[in-house]
Protein backbone atom coordinates (compact mmCIF):
# COMPACT_ATOMS: atom_id res chain seq x y z
CA MET A 1 -15.01 8.99 43.97
CA LYS A 2 -17.46 10.47 46.44
CA ILE A 3 -17.89 8.82 49.84
CA VAL A 4 -21.40 8.92 51.32
CA TRP A 5 -22.07 7.67 54.86
CA SER A 6 -25.49 6.19 55.61
CA PRO A 7 -27.22 7.47 58.76
CA THR A 8 -26.74 3.97 60.23
CA ALA A 9 -22.98 4.03 59.61
CA ILE A 10 -22.68 7.50 61.17
CA GLU A 11 -24.52 6.29 64.28
CA ASP A 12 -22.40 3.12 64.40
CA LEU A 13 -19.21 5.20 64.42
CA LYS A 14 -20.56 7.55 67.10
CA HIS A 15 -21.66 4.66 69.32
CA LEU A 16 -18.47 2.65 69.06
CA ARG A 17 -16.39 5.73 69.83
CA ALA A 18 -18.58 6.62 72.83
CA TYR A 19 -18.36 3.06 74.16
CA ILE A 20 -14.57 2.88 73.87
CA GLU A 21 -14.25 6.40 75.29
CA GLN A 22 -15.85 5.28 78.57
CA HIS A 23 -12.82 3.09 79.19
CA ASN A 24 -10.05 4.77 77.22
CA PRO A 25 -10.54 8.17 75.54
CA ARG A 26 -7.20 7.99 73.76
CA ALA A 27 -8.03 4.60 72.24
CA ALA A 28 -11.45 5.87 71.15
CA ALA A 29 -9.88 8.70 69.17
CA LYS A 30 -7.29 6.33 67.68
CA VAL A 31 -9.90 3.79 66.55
CA ALA A 32 -12.20 6.45 65.06
CA SER A 33 -9.26 8.00 63.23
CA ALA A 34 -8.18 4.61 61.86
CA ILE A 35 -11.68 3.96 60.54
CA LEU A 36 -11.91 7.37 58.88
CA ARG A 37 -8.45 7.01 57.27
CA ARG A 38 -9.28 3.58 55.86
CA VAL A 39 -12.60 4.78 54.51
CA GLU A 40 -10.84 7.73 52.84
CA SER A 41 -8.45 5.28 51.17
CA LEU A 42 -11.45 3.93 49.24
CA ASN A 43 -11.20 7.06 47.07
CA ASP A 44 -8.07 5.62 45.46
CA PHE A 45 -8.73 1.91 45.88
CA PRO A 46 -12.50 1.22 45.95
CA GLY A 47 -12.08 -2.52 45.43
CA GLN A 48 -9.68 -3.09 48.32
CA GLY A 49 -12.24 -4.63 50.69
CA ARG A 50 -13.02 -8.33 50.63
CA PRO A 51 -16.26 -9.50 49.00
CA GLY A 52 -19.17 -8.83 51.37
CA ARG A 53 -21.77 -11.16 52.83
CA LEU A 54 -24.53 -9.32 50.97
CA PRO A 55 -24.62 -9.07 47.17
CA HIS A 56 -22.69 -6.14 45.66
CA THR A 57 -21.05 -5.19 48.98
CA ARG A 58 -17.47 -5.25 50.19
CA GLU A 59 -16.05 -5.38 53.72
CA LEU A 60 -13.11 -3.18 54.61
CA ILE A 61 -11.12 -4.54 57.54
CA ILE A 62 -9.70 -1.88 59.84
CA PRO A 63 -6.18 -3.06 60.82
CA ASP A 64 -5.29 -3.29 64.51
CA THR A 65 -8.96 -3.00 65.49
CA PRO A 66 -11.83 -5.50 65.73
CA PHE A 67 -13.94 -3.41 63.32
CA LEU A 68 -14.91 -3.52 59.69
CA VAL A 69 -16.80 -1.23 57.34
CA VAL A 70 -19.40 -2.58 54.92
CA TYR A 71 -19.66 -0.55 51.74
CA LYS A 72 -20.91 -0.60 48.18
CA ALA A 73 -19.46 1.10 45.09
CA VAL A 74 -22.16 2.55 42.84
CA GLY A 75 -20.82 4.45 39.86
CA GLU A 76 -18.56 7.18 41.20
CA THR A 77 -19.96 6.87 44.74
CA ILE A 78 -18.84 4.74 47.67
CA GLN A 79 -21.77 4.12 50.00
CA ILE A 80 -20.74 3.33 53.59
CA ILE A 81 -23.50 1.05 54.85
CA VAL A 82 -22.46 0.03 58.39
CA VAL A 83 -19.49 0.01 60.75
CA LEU A 84 -19.45 -3.08 62.94
CA HIS A 85 -17.44 -5.28 65.25
CA ALA A 86 -16.01 -8.19 63.26
CA ALA A 87 -17.45 -10.71 65.74
CA ARG A 88 -20.99 -9.44 65.20
CA LYS A 89 -23.27 -11.72 63.23
CA TRP A 90 -24.20 -9.64 60.23
CA PRO A 91 -26.50 -9.41 58.41
CA GLN A 92 -29.38 -10.41 60.61
């Protein structure tokens, strides 16, 4: 499987890390690392996320964080659509 991050998802990850880093740099690195590790696990288990709120998407919960990753499997590609706080109303 090939993992492809959308420009939106890349920006989401950068922004959430920068926000957390203002208060706790160590936590920011830990959260970003947890997200990246979970996304990498999609290579072996692409169906592990729960069914998404949009058709043909899945939502990967990031344990011990309030974040989730919305993705879509298309053929041999995993498309990372967005990274968001679980409390955020999405999609809107």
